[in-house]
C-alpha cells in the first residue's frame, strides 16, 4: 500500500497541490463573481416579463411554443418530475463539480481547455443577463406553467434573502444549464472509451434541455441560445489555446488508447 501511494498521489494530483488550489481559487472566484454580477441585475422585473412574452410570441410565430404542453404531458408521471427537478437543481452544482473533478483526475491534459471554455461561456451569459433579462416560464402561470421546483421541494428562490444577492431569477437567456451540458457532453463524448457512455454523453444536452423545459425553467429558444453560447465559447477557447498550446489545447487521445470511461 505504501508503495502505491506515490502513484495514487500522482493520479489524483497530476500537477501537485499548488495547481489544485489554483483551480479551486479560479473556479470559486469566477463563480462568486458570476453570481454577484448576475444578482446585481435583478431589478428589471417589468422588462424581464416583457421579454418572456416576446419569446412566447416569437415561438408561436415559429410554431415551436410547445413548452406548456410538454410540461403537462410530463406531469402525468410524478417520478419523472421528481427526477427532472433534482437533476435541474444539481446540474450546475453537484453534477458539474463531480464531472470537473473527473476531468481533472482522469483527463487532466484536457481539463484546462474545458475550464477556459466554461469561463468564456459564463462571461457571455452575464452579457445576456444584463441586456436581455427574461423571466422563466415558471413565473407565468397565466400561460399554464407550473413552478415544478417550488412545488416539489417546497422552496422558492424568489423569497430567499440570499437569492436576492447571489441569484437572478430573470437569468433565462441564454440557458447555462444547456450551455454547460453541451460543453461537458461534447468533451466526455470524445474522451470516454465505452460506446454506451459515449452515446449517453452525446444525449446529455438533449436530456438537460428536456429537464429545463418540463420544470418550466427555460423556453426552447433559451436552450438554442445556450447551445450557441457553448459553440462560441468553444471557438474562443480554441483561439486561447494558441497562447499556451501545450497546456490549454484540447487533444482527444486515439480511441484505442482513451482513458477509462
C-alpha atoms as a PDB file:
ATOM      1  CA  UNK A   1       0.000   0.000   0.000  1.00  0.00           C
ATOM      2  CA  UNK A   2       2.798   2.390   0.884  1.00  0.00           C
ATOM      3  CA  UNK A   3       4.496   1.665  -2.437  1.00  0.00           C
ATOM      4  CA  UNK A   4       1.300   2.616  -4.247  1.00  0.00           C
ATOM      5  CA  UNK A   5       0.877   5.980  -2.505  1.00  0.00           C
ATOM      6  CA  UNK A   6       3.154   7.973  -4.861  1.00  0.00           C
ATOM      7  CA  UNK A   7       1.323   6.608  -7.915  1.00  0.00           C
ATOM      8  CA  UNK A   8      -2.068   7.323  -6.349  1.00  0.00           C
ATOM      9  CA  UNK A   9      -0.981  10.838  -5.406  1.00  0.00           C
ATOM     10  CA  UNK A  10       0.289  11.459  -8.930  1.00  0.00           C
ATOM     11  CA  UNK A  11      -3.024  10.277 -10.397  1.00  0.00           C
ATOM     12  CA  UNK A  12      -5.218  12.351  -8.063  1.00  0.00           C
ATOM     13  CA  UNK A  13      -2.855  15.340  -8.092  1.00  0.00           C
ATOM     14  CA  UNK A  14      -1.276  15.210 -11.564  1.00  0.00           C
ATOM     15  CA  UNK A  15       0.185  18.713 -11.182  1.00  0.00           C
ATOM     16  CA  UNK A  16       0.515  18.879  -7.407  1.00  0.00           C
ATOM     17  CA  UNK A  17      -1.365  20.646  -4.630  1.00  0.00           C
ATOM     18  CA  UNK A  18      -0.487  24.121  -5.875  1.00  0.00           C
ATOM     19  CA  UNK A  19      -2.309  23.569  -9.147  1.00  0.00           C
ATOM     20  CA  UNK A  20      -5.333  22.094  -7.344  1.00  0.00           C
ATOM     21  CA  UNK A  21      -5.560  25.129  -5.086  1.00  0.00           C
ATOM     22  CA  UNK A  22      -5.118  27.415  -8.084  1.00  0.00           C
ATOM     23  CA  UNK A  23      -8.009  25.787  -9.951  1.00  0.00           C
ATOM     24  CA  UNK A  24     -10.257  25.835  -6.877  1.00  0.00           C
ATOM     25  CA  UNK A  25      -9.480  29.534  -6.374  1.00  0.00           C
ATOM     26  CA  UNK A  26     -10.122  30.328 -10.044  1.00  0.00           C
ATOM     27  CA  UNK A  27     -13.435  28.480 -10.149  1.00  0.00           C
ATOM     28  CA  UNK A  28     -14.503  29.762  -6.746  1.00  0.00           C
ATOM     29  CA  UNK A  29     -13.677  33.359  -7.606  1.00  0.00           C
ATOM     30  CA  UNK A  30     -15.220  33.159 -11.076  1.00  0.00           C
ATOM     31  CA  UNK A  31     -18.412  31.557  -9.780  1.00  0.00           C
ATOM     32  CA  UNK A  32     -18.774  34.072  -6.949  1.00  0.00           C
ATOM     33  CA  UNK A  33     -18.250  36.974  -9.368  1.00  0.00           C
ATOM     34  CA  UNK A  34     -20.705  35.360 -11.780  1.00  0.00           C
ATOM     35  CA  UNK A  35     -23.367  35.099  -9.090  1.00  0.00           C
ATOM     36  CA  UNK A  36     -22.746  38.599  -7.726  1.00  0.00           C
ATOM     37  CA  UNK A  37     -22.953  40.220 -11.146  1.00  0.00           C
ATOM     38  CA  UNK A  38     -25.949  38.058 -12.027  1.00  0.00           C
ATOM     39  CA  UNK A  39     -27.681  39.063  -8.802  1.00  0.00           C
ATOM     40  CA  UNK A  40     -26.931  42.743  -9.385  1.00  0.00           C
ATOM     41  CA  UNK A  41     -29.307  42.918 -12.342  1.00  0.00           C
ATOM     42  CA  UNK A  42     -32.419  41.527 -10.666  1.00  0.00           C
ATOM     43  CA  UNK A  43     -34.359  44.812 -10.536  1.00  0.00           C
ATOM     44  CA  UNK A  44     -35.770  44.652 -14.056  1.00  0.00           C
ATOM     45  CA  UNK A  45     -38.860  42.547 -13.488  1.00  0.00           C
ATOM     46  CA  UNK A  46     -41.129  44.511 -15.839  1.00  0.00           C
ATOM     47  CA  UNK A  47     -38.610  44.272 -18.662  1.00  0.00           C
ATOM     48  CA  UNK A  48     -37.951  40.590 -17.871  1.00  0.00           C
ATOM     49  CA  UNK A  49     -41.638  39.684 -18.124  1.00  0.00           C
ATOM     50  CA  UNK A  50     -41.981  41.695 -21.334  1.00  0.00           C
ATOM     51  CA  UNK A  51     -39.053  39.775 -22.829  1.00  0.00           C
ATOM     52  CA  UNK A  52     -40.628  36.467 -21.789  1.00  0.00           C
ATOM     53  CA  UNK A  53     -43.855  37.400 -23.562  1.00  0.00           C
ATOM     54  CA  UNK A  54     -41.815  38.415 -26.619  1.00  0.00           C
ATOM     55  CA  UNK A  55     -40.177  34.978 -26.645  1.00  0.00           C
ATOM     56  CA  UNK A  56     -43.560  33.289 -26.447  1.00  0.00           C
ATOM     57  CA  UNK A  57     -44.810  35.433 -29.323  1.00  0.00           C
ATOM     58  CA  UNK A  58     -41.751  34.548 -31.403  1.00  0.00           C
ATOM     59  CA  UNK A  59     -42.085  30.845 -30.627  1.00  0.00           C
ATOM     60  CA  UNK A  60     -45.749  30.952 -31.614  1.00  0.00           C
ATOM     61  CA  UNK A  61     -44.783  32.595 -34.893  1.00  0.00           C
ATOM     62  CA  UNK A  62     -42.213  29.852 -35.475  1.00  0.00           C
ATOM     63  CA  UNK A  63     -44.683  27.153 -34.418  1.00  0.00           C
ATOM     64  CA  UNK A  64     -42.479  25.856 -31.591  1.00  0.00           C
ATOM     65  CA  UNK A  65     -44.329  27.076 -28.498  1.00  0.00           C
ATOM     66  CA  UNK A  66     -44.780  23.590 -27.041  1.00  0.00           C
ATOM     67  CA  UNK A  67     -43.304  24.028 -23.552  1.00  0.00           C
ATOM     68  CA  UNK A  68     -46.588  24.133 -21.645  1.00  0.00           C
ATOM     69  CA  UNK A  69     -47.976  21.088 -23.438  1.00  0.00           C
ATOM     70  CA  UNK A  70     -44.717  19.231 -22.850  1.00  0.00           C
ATOM     71  CA  UNK A  71     -44.825  20.059 -19.145  1.00  0.00           C
ATOM     72  CA  UNK A  72     -48.458  18.967 -18.894  1.00  0.00           C
ATOM     73  CA  UNK A  73     -47.586  15.657 -20.541  1.00  0.00           C
ATOM     74  CA  UNK A  74     -44.567  15.089 -18.263  1.00  0.00           C
ATOM     75  CA  UNK A  75     -46.643  15.954 -15.185  1.00  0.00           C
ATOM     76  CA  UNK A  76     -48.522  12.708 -15.729  1.00  0.00           C
ATOM     77  CA  UNK A  77     -45.556  10.960 -14.101  1.00  0.00           C
ATOM     78  CA  UNK A  78     -44.689  12.216 -10.625  1.00  0.00           C
ATOM     79  CA  UNK A  79     -41.499  10.142 -10.664  1.00  0.00           C
ATOM     80  CA  UNK A  80     -40.318  11.777 -13.892  1.00  0.00           C
ATOM     81  CA  UNK A  81     -40.993  15.248 -12.479  1.00  0.00           C
ATOM     82  CA  UNK A  82     -39.108  14.451  -9.267  1.00  0.00           C
ATOM     83  CA  UNK A  83     -36.117  13.138 -11.216  1.00  0.00           C
ATOM     84  CA  UNK A  84     -36.175  16.163 -13.529  1.00  0.00           C
ATOM     85  CA  UNK A  85     -36.438  18.575 -10.607  1.00  0.00           C
ATOM     86  CA  UNK A  86     -33.437  17.193  -8.745  1.00  0.00           C
ATOM     87  CA  UNK A  87     -31.389  16.851 -11.935  1.00  0.00           C
ATOM     88  CA  UNK A  88     -32.122  20.528 -12.635  1.00  0.00           C
ATOM     89  CA  UNK A  89     -31.139  21.565  -9.100  1.00  0.00           C
ATOM     90  CA  UNK A  90     -27.873  19.601  -9.176  1.00  0.00           C
ATOM     91  CA  UNK A  91     -26.865  20.040 -12.812  1.00  0.00           C
ATOM     92  CA  UNK A  92     -24.796  23.151 -12.149  1.00  0.00           C
ATOM     93  CA  UNK A  93     -23.672  22.201  -8.648  1.00  0.00           C
ATOM     94  CA  UNK A  94     -23.046  18.603  -7.600  1.00  0.00           C
ATOM     95  CA  UNK A  95     -23.055  17.101 -11.089  1.00  0.00           C
ATOM     96  CA  UNK A  96     -20.903  19.815 -12.665  1.00  0.00           C
ATOM     97  CA  UNK A  97     -18.364  19.778  -9.830  1.00  0.00           C
ATOM     98  CA  UNK A  98     -18.185  15.980  -9.969  1.00  0.00           C
ATOM     99  CA  UNK A  99     -17.574  15.982 -13.709  1.00  0.00           C
ATOM    100  CA  UNK A 100     -14.892  18.658 -13.424  1.00  0.00           C
ATOM    101  CA  UNK A 101     -13.130  16.594 -10.755  1.00  0.00           C
ATOM    102  CA  UNK A 102     -13.308  13.560 -13.037  1.00  0.00           C
ATOM    103  CA  UNK A 103     -11.809  15.564 -15.924  1.00  0.00           C
ATOM    104  CA  UNK A 104      -9.057  16.940 -13.712  1.00  0.00           C
ATOM    105  CA  UNK A 105      -8.056  13.498 -12.433  1.00  0.00           C
ATOM    106  CA  UNK A 106      -8.700  11.230 -15.420  1.00  0.00           C
ATOM    107  CA  UNK A 107      -8.138  13.618 -18.340  1.00  0.00           C
ATOM    108  CA  UNK A 108      -6.003  16.370 -16.877  1.00  0.00           C
ATOM    109  CA  UNK A 109      -4.418  17.257 -20.213  1.00  0.00           C
ATOM    110  CA  UNK A 110      -7.840  18.467 -21.438  1.00  0.00           C
ATOM    111  CA  UNK A 111      -9.166  19.948 -18.209  1.00  0.00           C
ATOM    112  CA  UNK A 112      -7.716  23.406 -18.875  1.00  0.00           C
ATOM    113  CA  UNK A 113      -9.402  23.719 -22.267  1.00  0.00           C
ATOM    114  CA  UNK A 114     -12.747  22.894 -20.650  1.00  0.00           C
ATOM    115  CA  UNK A 115     -12.049  25.368 -17.828  1.00  0.00           C
ATOM    116  CA  UNK A 116     -11.392  28.182 -20.308  1.00  0.00           C
ATOM    117  CA  UNK A 117     -14.489  27.233 -22.287  1.00  0.00           C
ATOM    118  CA  UNK A 118     -16.681  27.406 -19.172  1.00  0.00           C
ATOM    119  CA  UNK A 119     -15.267  30.794 -18.162  1.00  0.00           C
ATOM    120  CA  UNK A 120     -15.924  32.261 -21.616  1.00  0.00           C
ATOM    121  CA  UNK A 121     -19.492  30.916 -21.590  1.00  0.00           C
ATOM    122  CA  UNK A 122     -20.120  32.465 -18.164  1.00  0.00           C
ATOM    123  CA  UNK A 123     -18.936  35.843 -19.460  1.00  0.00           C
ATOM    124  CA  UNK A 124     -21.234  35.619 -22.479  1.00  0.00           C
ATOM    125  CA  UNK A 125     -24.129  34.671 -20.203  1.00  0.00           C
ATOM    126  CA  UNK A 126     -23.600  37.688 -17.966  1.00  0.00           C
ATOM    127  CA  UNK A 127     -23.813  39.953 -21.005  1.00  0.00           C
ATOM    128  CA  UNK A 128     -27.082  38.281 -21.954  1.00  0.00           C
ATOM    129  CA  UNK A 129     -28.499  38.617 -18.448  1.00  0.00           C
ATOM    130  CA  UNK A 130     -27.558  42.297 -18.272  1.00  0.00           C
ATOM    131  CA  UNK A 131     -29.010  43.327 -21.635  1.00  0.00           C
ATOM    132  CA  UNK A 132     -31.856  40.833 -22.046  1.00  0.00           C
ATOM    133  CA  UNK A 133     -33.246  39.854 -18.621  1.00  0.00           C
ATOM    134  CA  UNK A 134     -36.010  37.308 -19.151  1.00  0.00           C
ATOM    135  CA  UNK A 135     -38.497  35.734 -16.781  1.00  0.00           C
ATOM    136  CA  UNK A 136     -38.571  31.916 -16.954  1.00  0.00           C
ATOM    137  CA  UNK A 137     -41.803  30.087 -17.836  1.00  0.00           C
ATOM    138  CA  UNK A 138     -42.394  29.122 -14.180  1.00  0.00           C
ATOM    139  CA  UNK A 139     -43.211  32.784 -13.428  1.00  0.00           C
ATOM    140  CA  UNK A 140     -46.016  32.762 -15.989  1.00  0.00           C
ATOM    141  CA  UNK A 141     -48.886  30.715 -14.517  1.00  0.00           C
ATOM    142  CA  UNK A 142     -51.326  32.616 -16.756  1.00  0.00           C
ATOM    143  CA  UNK A 143     -49.833  30.637 -19.651  1.00  0.00           C
ATOM    144  CA  UNK A 144     -50.435  27.378 -17.806  1.00  0.00           C
ATOM    145  CA  UNK A 145     -46.932  26.829 -16.436  1.00  0.00           C
ATOM    146  CA  UNK A 146     -46.291  25.313 -13.006  1.00  0.00           C
ATOM    147  CA  UNK A 147     -43.222  26.091 -10.859  1.00  0.00           C
ATOM    148  CA  UNK A 148     -42.262  22.443 -10.502  1.00  0.00           C
ATOM    149  CA  UNK A 149     -39.121  23.058  -8.448  1.00  0.00           C
ATOM    150  CA  UNK A 150     -41.010  25.043  -5.813  1.00  0.00           C
ATOM    151  CA  UNK A 151     -43.873  22.554  -5.815  1.00  0.00           C
ATOM    152  CA  UNK A 152     -41.655  19.501  -5.269  1.00  0.00           C
ATOM    153  CA  UNK A 153     -39.002  20.998  -2.975  1.00  0.00           C
ATOM    154  CA  UNK A 154     -41.238  23.422  -1.105  1.00  0.00           C
ATOM    155  CA  UNK A 155     -38.775  26.304  -1.575  1.00  0.00           C
ATOM    156  CA  UNK A 156     -38.750  29.303  -3.844  1.00  0.00           C
ATOM    157  CA  UNK A 157     -35.743  31.340  -4.974  1.00  0.00           C
ATOM    158  CA  UNK A 158     -37.961  34.405  -5.226  1.00  0.00           C
ATOM    159  CA  UNK A 159     -38.474  34.509  -1.470  1.00  0.00           C
ATOM    160  CA  UNK A 160     -34.884  33.788  -0.458  1.00  0.00           C
ATOM    161  CA  UNK A 161     -32.848  36.633   1.095  1.00  0.00           C
ATOM    162  CA  UNK A 162     -29.618  35.031  -0.086  1.00  0.00           C
ATOM    163  CA  UNK A 163     -31.035  34.664  -3.578  1.00  0.00           C
ATOM    164  CA  UNK A 164     -31.514  38.440  -3.792  1.00  0.00           C
ATOM    165  CA  UNK A 165     -27.735  38.870  -3.590  1.00  0.00           C
ATOM    166  CA  UNK A 166     -26.461  35.814  -5.411  1.00  0.00           C
ATOM    167  CA  UNK A 167     -29.253  34.726  -7.727  1.00  0.00           C
ATOM    168  CA  UNK A 168     -31.009  36.411 -10.611  1.00  0.00           C
ATOM    169  CA  UNK A 169     -34.454  34.877 -11.186  1.00  0.00           C
ATOM    170  CA  UNK A 170     -34.540  36.547 -14.617  1.00  0.00           C
ATOM    171  CA  UNK A 171     -31.394  34.875 -15.955  1.00  0.00           C
ATOM    172  CA  UNK A 172     -33.097  32.683 -18.536  1.00  0.00           C
ATOM    173  CA  UNK A 173     -31.346  33.848 -21.725  1.00  0.00           C
ATOM    174  CA  UNK A 174     -29.145  32.042 -22.540  1.00  0.00           C
ATOM    175  CA  UNK A 175     -29.755  28.773 -20.706  1.00  0.00           C
ATOM    176  CA  UNK A 176     -26.481  27.976 -18.960  1.00  0.00           C
ATOM    177  CA  UNK A 177     -27.834  24.594 -17.943  1.00  0.00           C
ATOM    178  CA  UNK A 178     -27.895  23.739 -21.636  1.00  0.00           C
ATOM    179  CA  UNK A 179     -24.599  25.510 -22.406  1.00  0.00           C
ATOM    180  CA  UNK A 180     -22.743  23.636 -19.654  1.00  0.00           C
ATOM    181  CA  UNK A 181     -24.389  20.354 -20.707  1.00  0.00           C
ATOM    182  CA  UNK A 182     -23.252  20.850 -24.311  1.00  0.00           C
ATOM    183  CA  UNK A 183     -19.673  21.674 -23.318  1.00  0.00           C
ATOM    184  CA  UNK A 184     -19.339  18.824 -20.829  1.00  0.00           C
ATOM    185  CA  UNK A 185     -21.236  16.339 -23.003  1.00  0.00           C
ATOM    186  CA  UNK A 186     -19.141  17.151 -26.075  1.00  0.00           C
ATOM    187  CA  UNK A 187     -15.934  16.827 -24.067  1.00  0.00           C
ATOM    188  CA  UNK A 188     -16.719  13.495 -22.421  1.00  0.00           C
ATOM    189  CA  UNK A 189     -18.171  12.012 -25.606  1.00  0.00           C
ATOM    190  CA  UNK A 190     -14.726  12.491 -27.160  1.00  0.00           C
ATOM    191  CA  UNK A 191     -12.829  11.095 -24.195  1.00  0.00           C
ATOM    192  CA  UNK A 192     -14.664   8.047 -22.919  1.00  0.00           C
ATOM    193  CA  UNK A 193     -13.949   4.543 -24.210  1.00  0.00           C
ATOM    194  CA  UNK A 194     -17.303   2.831 -23.801  1.00  0.00           C
ATOM    195  CA  UNK A 195     -19.641   3.204 -26.768  1.00  0.00           C
ATOM    196  CA  UNK A 196     -22.632   3.248 -24.433  1.00  0.00           C
ATOM    197  CA  UNK A 197     -21.068   6.002 -22.323  1.00  0.00           C
ATOM    198  CA  UNK A 198     -20.284   7.963 -25.476  1.00  0.00           C
ATOM    199  CA  UNK A 199     -23.907   7.801 -26.613  1.00  0.00           C
ATOM    200  CA  UNK A 200     -25.071   8.853 -23.139  1.00  0.00           C
ATOM    201  CA  UNK A 201     -22.828  11.918 -23.179  1.00  0.00           C
ATOM    202  CA  UNK A 202     -23.929  12.825 -26.694  1.00  0.00           C
ATOM    203  CA  UNK A 203     -27.532  12.716 -25.446  1.00  0.00           C
ATOM    204  CA  UNK A 204     -26.767  14.576 -22.189  1.00  0.00           C
ATOM    205  CA  UNK A 205     -27.531  18.073 -23.626  1.00  0.00           C
ATOM    206  CA  UNK A 206     -30.864  16.825 -25.010  1.00  0.00           C
ATOM    207  CA  UNK A 207     -31.792  15.371 -21.599  1.00  0.00           C
ATOM    208  CA  UNK A 208     -30.886  18.602 -19.810  1.00  0.00           C
ATOM    209  CA  UNK A 209     -32.892  20.604 -22.346  1.00  0.00           C
ATOM    210  CA  UNK A 210     -35.869  18.330 -21.694  1.00  0.00           C
ATOM    211  CA  UNK A 211     -35.397  18.759 -17.934  1.00  0.00           C
ATOM    212  CA  UNK A 212     -35.264  22.557 -18.104  1.00  0.00           C
ATOM    213  CA  UNK A 213     -38.400  22.676 -20.239  1.00  0.00           C
ATOM    214  CA  UNK A 214     -40.620  20.307 -18.248  1.00  0.00           C
ATOM    215  CA  UNK A 215     -39.628  22.022 -14.980  1.00  0.00           C
ATOM    216  CA  UNK A 216     -40.650  25.354 -16.593  1.00  0.00           C
ATOM    217  CA  UNK A 217     -37.230  26.904 -16.110  1.00  0.00           C
ATOM    218  CA  UNK A 218     -36.470  27.649 -19.758  1.00  0.00           C
ATOM    219  CA  UNK A 219     -38.070  28.183 -23.130  1.00  0.00           C
ATOM    220  CA  UNK A 220     -36.808  26.259 -26.149  1.00  0.00           C
ATOM    221  CA  UNK A 221     -35.245  29.440 -27.528  1.00  0.00           C
ATOM    222  CA  UNK A 222     -33.279  29.786 -24.265  1.00  0.00           C
ATOM    223  CA  UNK A 223     -31.860  26.337 -24.959  1.00  0.00           C
ATOM    224  CA  UNK A 224     -30.964  27.259 -28.540  1.00  0.00           C
ATOM    225  CA  UNK A 225     -29.120  30.341 -27.298  1.00  0.00           C
ATOM    226  CA  UNK A 226     -27.390  28.181 -24.686  1.00  0.00           C
ATOM    227  CA  UNK A 227     -26.192  25.906 -27.494  1.00  0.00           C
ATOM    228  CA  UNK A 228     -24.881  28.922 -29.423  1.00  0.00           C
ATOM    229  CA  UNK A 229     -23.152  30.185 -26.280  1.00  0.00           C
ATOM    230  CA  UNK A 230     -21.365  26.848 -25.918  1.00  0.00           C
ATOM    231  CA  UNK A 231     -20.326  26.983 -29.561  1.00  0.00           C
ATOM    232  CA  UNK A 232     -18.873  30.472 -29.270  1.00  0.00           C
ATOM    233  CA  UNK A 233     -17.115  29.529 -26.018  1.00  0.00           C
ATOM    234  CA  UNK A 234     -15.504  26.527 -27.729  1.00  0.00           C
ATOM    235  CA  UNK A 235     -14.266  28.696 -30.604  1.00  0.00           C
ATOM    236  CA  UNK A 236     -12.801  31.267 -28.206  1.00  0.00           C
ATOM    237  CA  UNK A 237     -11.187  28.523 -26.096  1.00  0.00           C
ATOM    238  CA  UNK A 238      -9.526  27.169 -29.245  1.00  0.00           C
ATOM    239  CA  UNK A 239      -8.169  30.630 -30.018  1.00  0.00           C
ATOM    240  CA  UNK A 240      -6.907  30.989 -26.447  1.00  0.00           C
ATOM    241  CA  UNK A 241      -5.166  27.627 -26.791  1.00  0.00           C
ATOM    242  CA  UNK A 242      -2.814  29.213 -29.314  1.00  0.00           C
ATOM    243  CA  UNK A 243      -1.319  31.227 -26.453  1.00  0.00           C
ATOM    244  CA  UNK A 244      -0.349  28.113 -24.453  1.00  0.00           C
ATOM    245  CA  UNK A 245      -0.826  25.143 -26.801  1.00  0.00           C
ATOM    246  CA  UNK A 246       0.964  22.700 -24.511  1.00  0.00           C
ATOM    247  CA  UNK A 247      -1.458  23.393 -21.650  1.00  0.00           C
ATOM    248  CA  UNK A 248      -4.695  24.870 -22.992  1.00  0.00           C
ATOM    249  CA  UNK A 249      -5.216  22.881 -26.204  1.00  0.00           C
ATOM    250  CA  UNK A 250      -7.745  20.060 -26.417  1.00  0.00           C
ATOM    251  CA  UNK A 251      -6.314  16.748 -27.590  1.00  0.00           C
ATOM    252  CA  UNK A 252      -8.610  13.736 -27.602  1.00  0.00           C
ATOM    253  CA  UNK A 253      -6.467  10.583 -27.478  1.00  0.00           C
ATOM    254  CA  UNK A 254      -6.890   7.853 -30.126  1.00  0.00           C
ATOM    255  CA  UNK A 255      -9.896   5.633 -29.413  1.00  0.00           C
ATOM    256  CA  UNK A 256      -7.710   2.629 -28.706  1.00  0.00           C
ATOM    257  CA  UNK A 257      -5.811   4.494 -26.022  1.00  0.00           C
ATOM    258  CA  UNK A 258      -8.545   6.548 -24.401  1.00  0.00           C
ATOM    259  CA  UNK A 259      -8.642   6.585 -20.603  1.00  0.00           C
ATOM    260  CA  UNK A 260     -11.322   4.907 -18.536  1.00  0.00           C
ATOM    261  CA  UNK A 261     -14.941   5.832 -19.223  1.00  0.00           C
END
